[in-house]
Structure formats: C-alpha cells, structure tokens
Protein backbone atom coordinates (compact mmCIF):
# COMPACT_ATOMS: atom_id res chain seq x y z
CA UNK A 1 11.82 6.06 19.17
CA UNK A 2 14.28 3.79 17.43
CA UNK A 3 17.39 5.53 16.16
CA UNK A 4 18.35 4.06 12.79
CA UNK A 5 21.19 4.99 10.43
CA UNK A 6 18.66 6.44 7.99
CA UNK A 7 17.21 8.67 10.71
CA UNK A 8 20.67 9.92 11.65
CA UNK A 9 21.54 10.64 8.00
CA UNK A 10 18.29 12.52 7.38
CA UNK A 11 18.71 14.55 10.59
CA UNK A 12 22.28 15.44 9.61
CA UNK A 13 21.11 16.57 6.18
CA UNK A 14 18.38 18.72 7.76
CA UNK A 15 20.91 20.16 10.24
CA UNK A 16 23.41 21.05 7.48
CA UNK A 17 20.70 22.66 5.33
CA UNK A 18 19.38 24.68 8.28
CA UNK A 19 22.91 25.69 9.28
CA UNK A 20 23.72 26.86 5.74
CA UNK A 21 20.45 28.77 5.49
CA UNK A 22 20.78 30.43 8.90
CA UNK A 23 24.41 31.33 8.16
CA UNK A 24 23.14 33.65 5.42
CA UNK A 25 20.90 35.42 7.93
CA UNK A 26 23.38 35.84 10.78
CA UNK A 27 27.18 35.65 10.67
CA UNK A 28 27.60 34.52 14.31
CA UNK A 29 28.46 30.82 13.89
CA UNK A 30 27.84 29.86 17.52
CA UNK A 31 24.28 31.29 17.41
CA UNK A 32 23.60 29.71 14.02
CA UNK A 33 24.82 26.35 15.37
CA UNK A 34 22.58 26.52 18.47
CA UNK A 35 19.49 27.57 16.48
CA UNK A 36 20.16 24.84 13.88
CA UNK A 37 20.59 22.28 16.65
CA UNK A 38 17.28 23.31 18.26
CA UNK A 39 15.29 23.54 15.00
CA UNK A 40 16.53 20.31 13.38
CA UNK A 41 14.20 17.92 15.29
CA UNK A 42 11.22 20.22 14.72
CA UNK A 43 11.86 20.63 11.01
CA UNK A 44 12.56 16.92 10.58
CA UNK A 45 9.56 15.54 12.50
CA UNK A 46 7.04 18.17 11.40
CA UNK A 47 8.08 18.76 7.77
CA UNK A 48 10.51 16.21 6.33
CA UNK A 49 9.19 13.02 7.95
CA UNK A 50 5.48 13.62 7.09
CA UNK A 51 6.44 14.52 3.51
CA UNK A 52 8.45 11.30 3.14
CA UNK A 53 5.49 9.27 4.46
CA UNK A 54 3.03 10.94 2.09
CA UNK A 55 5.17 10.46 -1.01
CA UNK A 56 6.37 6.90 -0.31
CA UNK A 57 3.96 4.00 -0.66
CA UNK A 58 5.40 1.73 2.00
CA UNK A 59 2.84 -0.43 3.79
CA UNK A 60 2.99 -3.19 6.35
CA UNK A 61 2.82 -6.80 5.23
CA UNK A 62 0.60 -9.14 7.22
CA UNK A 63 0.01 -12.85 7.25
CA UNK A 64 -3.11 -14.00 5.45
CA UNK A 65 -6.12 -14.22 7.79
CA UNK A 66 -9.56 -15.16 6.45
CA UNK A 67 -11.45 -13.34 9.22
CA UNK A 68 -9.57 -10.08 8.61
CA UNK A 69 -10.02 -10.53 4.83
CA UNK A 70 -13.81 -10.51 5.25
CA UNK A 71 -14.07 -7.92 8.05
CA UNK A 72 -11.56 -5.35 6.70
CA UNK A 73 -11.56 -5.47 2.89
CA UNK A 74 -9.69 -2.16 2.63
CA UNK A 75 -6.59 -3.81 4.13
CA UNK A 76 -6.47 -6.86 1.88
CA UNK A 77 -3.46 -5.47 -0.01
CA UNK A 78 -1.41 -6.04 3.17
CA UNK A 79 -2.20 -9.78 3.22
CA UNK A 80 -2.18 -10.73 -0.44
CA UNK A 81 1.60 -11.02 -0.86
CA UNK A 82 1.72 -13.63 1.91
CA UNK A 83 -1.19 -15.55 0.38
CA UNK A 84 0.53 -15.63 -3.02
CA UNK A 85 4.01 -16.52 -1.72
CA UNK A 86 2.77 -19.29 0.57
CA UNK A 87 0.41 -20.77 -2.06
CA UNK A 88 -2.37 -20.67 0.56
CA UNK A 89 -5.14 -20.77 -2.03
CA UNK A 90 -3.53 -22.93 -4.73
CA UNK A 91 -5.24 -26.31 -5.01
CA UNK A 92 -8.34 -25.28 -3.07
CA UNK A 93 -11.81 -25.92 -4.47
CA UNK A 94 -14.26 -23.13 -5.23
CA UNK A 95 -16.22 -23.98 -2.08
CA UNK A 96 -13.08 -23.76 0.10
CA UNK A 97 -12.08 -20.43 -1.46
CA UNK A 98 -15.61 -19.10 -0.90
CA UNK A 99 -15.44 -20.12 2.77
CA UNK A 100 -12.10 -18.30 3.21
CA UNK A 101 -12.65 -15.20 1.06
CA UNK A 102 -16.42 -14.95 0.72
CA UNK A 103 -18.38 -14.87 -2.53
CA UNK A 104 -16.55 -13.57 -5.58
CA UNK A 105 -17.02 -9.82 -5.84
CA UNK A 106 -17.23 -10.08 -9.63
CA UNK A 107 -16.40 -12.48 -12.43
CA UNK A 108 -13.98 -11.82 -15.28
CA UNK A 109 -15.91 -11.07 -18.46
CA UNK A 110 -15.76 -13.75 -21.16
CA UNK A 111 -16.14 -12.03 -24.57
CA UNK A 112 -16.71 -15.24 -26.51
CA UNK A 113 -19.76 -16.26 -24.45
CA UNK A 114 -20.79 -12.70 -23.48
CA UNK A 115 -21.12 -13.72 -19.84
CA UNK A 116 -19.03 -13.70 -16.67
CA UNK A 117 -16.49 -16.52 -16.51
CA UNK A 118 -17.34 -18.63 -13.44
CA UNK A 119 -13.78 -19.97 -13.39
CA UNK A 120 -12.17 -16.53 -12.88
CA UNK A 121 -13.15 -14.77 -9.65
CA UNK A 122 -12.08 -11.24 -8.72
CA UNK A 123 -11.68 -9.55 -5.35
CA UNK A 124 -10.77 -5.94 -4.63
CA UNK A 125 -7.65 -5.60 -2.48
CA UNK A 126 -8.14 -1.98 -1.48
CA UNK A 127 -6.10 1.12 -2.19
CA UNK A 128 -2.47 1.33 -1.12
CA UNK A 129 -1.80 4.52 0.83
CA UNK A 130 0.12 7.26 -0.94
CA UNK A 131 -0.26 10.78 -2.22
CA UNK A 132 -0.41 9.93 -5.92
CA UNK A 133 -2.45 6.72 -5.84
CA UNK A 134 -5.04 6.63 -8.61
CA UNK A 135 -5.41 2.86 -8.96
CA UNK A 136 -6.69 0.09 -6.74
CA UNK A 137 -5.29 -3.42 -6.53
CA UNK A 138 -7.34 -6.43 -7.59
CA UNK A 139 -6.71 -10.18 -7.47
CA UNK A 140 -8.03 -12.63 -10.02
CA UNK A 141 -8.29 -16.27 -8.95
CA UNK A 142 -8.37 -18.79 -11.79
CA UNK A 143 -9.90 -22.24 -11.41
CA UNK A 144 -9.43 -25.36 -13.55
CA UNK A 145 -11.42 -28.50 -12.81
CA UNK A 146 -12.84 -26.78 -9.70
CA UNK A 147 -9.32 -26.23 -8.23
CA UNK A 148 -7.40 -22.97 -7.83
CA UNK A 149 -4.55 -22.89 -10.33
CA UNK A 150 -3.45 -19.26 -10.50
CA UNK A 151 -3.53 -16.01 -8.52
CA UNK A 152 -2.92 -12.86 -10.54
CA UNK A 153 -2.87 -9.31 -9.19
CA UNK A 154 -3.48 -6.30 -11.36
CA UNK A 155 -4.33 -2.62 -10.99
CA UNK A 156 -7.61 -0.98 -11.91
CA UNK A 157 -8.45 2.72 -12.15
CA UNK A 158 -10.37 4.14 -9.20
CA UNK A 159 -13.81 5.37 -10.29
CA UNK A 160 -15.85 7.42 -7.87
CA UNK A 161 -19.66 7.47 -7.82
CA UNK A 162 -19.79 11.08 -9.06
CA UNK A 163 -17.68 10.12 -12.10
CA UNK A 164 -19.97 7.18 -12.93
CA UNK A 165 -23.01 9.47 -13.21
CA UNK A 166 -21.43 11.70 -15.87
C-alpha cells in the first residue's frame, strides 16, 4: 500500500470522528484512544474508502490501442482522451479508420436527406463507472473529402432492452 498525504488526512479525519463518538460512550480517554486507533483502519478501508470509490467517477487513462478498441468496447472511454489529444485519427481516410476502429456502429442522422450521413460515424465508448451514471459516452468522427477532420464526444442516455419494449 502506498501512503499518500490524502490517505493520511482521511485516516486522521476518521480517527478524530471515531474518537469523538466513542468519547460520548465512555469517559476513559485512554480506552477511547486505543479503540479509535484499532477501529480507524477498519472503518476507513471497509466503509469510507469503498464509498469514495463508488461516488467518484475516476477511471484510468490508457494509450489508444486498435486491438483493445475492437476486443473490449466497454473500455473505450479509457482510450479516447489519448486518441483525441494525440490527433491519432485526424487526417486518416475512412478505410484507415475502419481498419483501426472497425465498421461504424451507426451513422449520424441527416434530417435534410432523411438518411444516415456517411460522413459522420459514431462509436459507443462504454459507460464510465460510478454510482450515479445514467449516460454513456459516444464519439462522432466527421469526414470531409474522405479524411477525418473532427472527433467529437457526447453523452447519450442509457436505454435498456426492457425500456425499449414499453
């Protein structure tokens, strides 16, 4: 385990809160101190730390990898920031993008022609972990003259199969 300043601060906060709570139960300070000292790691690692991980939406960032993109589509959100920042896809042709990412999962709807726009491809990036996540991330790749010109991420509501049937 790596001891970081944040870990120390959180453990001190848990210790103080336990000490203050146990002081109301028993007036013997030495016993309250020992019990607080023993319970602090348990309360922190079994209550506080899991709660922090559930509520926060932190996720690891990975370098873009075409093989992982195709094999593990649920983890695409971890790679997309690197692909956007490094301009990996900008300037590529449709054929090159299809080799890297696979066929477009869907096309952006063009209202004027009432058909999918073949110059705007969409790929699902997966769902970021978190307790209150109700949207999935999506990337739209825009082509002009058969070359990638823009990558745009947006969020889309998660719809489950049972909800579609109603």
